[in-house]
Structure formats: C-alpha cells, structure tokens
C-alpha atoms as a PDB file:
ATOM      1  CA  MET A   1      18.928  49.357  -3.456  1.00  0.00           C
ATOM      2  CA  GLY A   2      21.719  51.075  -1.499  1.00  0.00           C
ATOM      3  CA  GLU A   3      24.319  49.444  -3.739  1.00  0.00           C
ATOM      4  CA  LEU A   4      23.024  51.108  -6.893  1.00  0.00           C
ATOM      5  CA  THR A   5      22.544  54.466  -5.170  1.00  0.00           C
ATOM      6  CA  ASP A   6      26.115  54.467  -3.858  1.00  0.00           C
ATOM      7  CA  LYS A   7      27.514  53.552  -7.256  1.00  0.00           C
ATOM      8  CA  ILE A   8      25.535  56.322  -8.989  1.00  0.00           C
ATOM      9  CA  LYS A   9      26.549  58.936  -6.413  1.00  0.00           C
ATOM     10  CA  GLY A  10      30.132  57.764  -6.754  1.00  0.00           C
ATOM     11  CA  ASN A  11      30.085  58.102 -10.531  1.00  0.00           C
ATOM     12  CA  VAL A  12      28.596  61.592 -10.306  1.00  0.00           C
ATOM     13  CA  ASN A  13      31.110  62.788  -7.719  1.00  0.00           C
ATOM     14  CA  GLU A  14      33.988  61.312  -9.678  1.00  0.00           C
ATOM     15  CA  ALA A  15      32.870  62.998 -12.909  1.00  0.00           C
ATOM     16  CA  ILE A  16      32.358  66.383 -11.238  1.00  0.00           C
ATOM     17  CA  GLY A  17      35.719  66.048  -9.516  1.00  0.00           C
ATOM     18  CA  LYS A  18      37.477  65.345 -12.808  1.00  0.00           C
ATOM     19  CA  ALA A  19      35.815  68.368 -14.401  1.00  0.00           C
ATOM     20  CA  LYS A  20      36.847  70.636 -11.518  1.00  0.00           C
ATOM     21  CA  GLN A  21      40.448  69.492 -11.846  1.00  0.00           C
ATOM     22  CA  LYS A  22      40.598  71.119 -15.296  1.00  0.00           C
ATOM     23  CA  SER A  23      40.000  74.550 -13.743  1.00  0.00           C
ATOM     24  CA  ASP A  24      42.616  77.307 -13.731  1.00  0.00           C
ATOM     25  CA  ASN A  25      41.906  77.951 -10.051  1.00  0.00           C
ATOM     26  CA  PRO A  26      44.182  75.871  -7.763  1.00  0.00           C
ATOM     27  CA  GLU A  27      41.546  75.738  -5.004  1.00  0.00           C
ATOM     28  CA  THR A  28      38.976  74.358  -7.417  1.00  0.00           C
ATOM     29  CA  ARG A  29      41.472  71.764  -8.693  1.00  0.00           C
ATOM     30  CA  ASP A  30      42.164  70.630  -5.111  1.00  0.00           C
ATOM     31  CA  GLU A  31      38.444  70.460  -4.408  1.00  0.00           C
ATOM     32  CA  GLY A  32      37.975  68.407  -7.570  1.00  0.00           C
ATOM     33  CA  ALA A  33      40.671  65.940  -6.546  1.00  0.00           C
ATOM     34  CA  ALA A  34      39.008  65.463  -3.160  1.00  0.00           C
ATOM     35  CA  GLN A  35      35.604  65.031  -4.779  1.00  0.00           C
ATOM     36  CA  GLU A  36      36.989  62.414  -7.171  1.00  0.00           C
ATOM     37  CA  VAL A  37      38.409  60.437  -4.232  1.00  0.00           C
ATOM     38  CA  LYS A  38      35.046  60.697  -2.466  1.00  0.00           C
ATOM     39  CA  GLY A  39      33.350  59.320  -5.576  1.00  0.00           C
ATOM     40  CA  LYS A  40      35.717  56.368  -5.749  1.00  0.00           C
ATOM     41  CA  ALA A  41      35.037  55.623  -2.075  1.00  0.00           C
ATOM     42  CA  GLN A  42      31.281  55.715  -2.684  1.00  0.00           C
ATOM     43  CA  GLN A  43      31.645  53.291  -5.590  1.00  0.00           C
ATOM     44  CA  LEU A  44      33.677  50.952  -3.406  1.00  0.00           C
ATOM     45  CA  GLU A  45      31.000  51.134  -0.711  1.00  0.00           C
ATOM     46  CA  GLY A  46      28.403  50.176  -3.310  1.00  0.00           C
ATOM     47  CA  LYS A  47      30.498  47.209  -4.440  1.00  0.00           C
ATOM     48  CA  VAL A  48      30.880  46.023  -0.849  1.00  0.00           C
ATOM     49  CA  LYS A  49      27.136  46.284  -0.265  1.00  0.00           C
ATOM     50  CA  GLY A  50      26.573  44.298  -3.457  1.00  0.00           C
ATOM     51  CA  ALA A  51      29.025  41.608  -2.414  1.00  0.00           C
ATOM     52  CA  LEU A  52      27.437  41.254   1.026  1.00  0.00           C
ATOM     53  CA  GLY A  53      23.938  41.171  -0.421  1.00  0.00           C
ATOM     54  CA  ASP A  54      21.251  40.581   2.161  1.00  0.00           C
ATOM     55  CA  ASP A  55      23.782  39.952   4.926  1.00  0.00           C
ATOM     56  CA  ILE A  56      23.859  43.640   5.895  1.00  0.00           C
END
C-alpha cells in the first residue's frame, strides 16, 4: 500500500510545484521547483517499493 501512497503524493507535489513555477513571485517559483523535485523523489520511492514488493 505504501507504493501507491508514495506515487500519489509524488504526483500531487509535482503538479503543485509546476503550478507554483508559473507565479510572478521568484520565491514562489523557487518553492515550486523544490516541490516538483520532492514529488519526483516520492514517485521514485514508490517505484522502488513496488519493485521490492514484500521484501521490505
């Protein structure tokens, strides 16, 4: 179940990050870029959990 949760959280963070990067505020754009990276990391974590299956 952790695999799906991580992938969903990753997708949400990535989408919010992309939206923030369209802001006129430079601080918000930087925050959005960081949030997008966080989302990609969460998706990767979900993929790793899926690949390992019950071994974790």
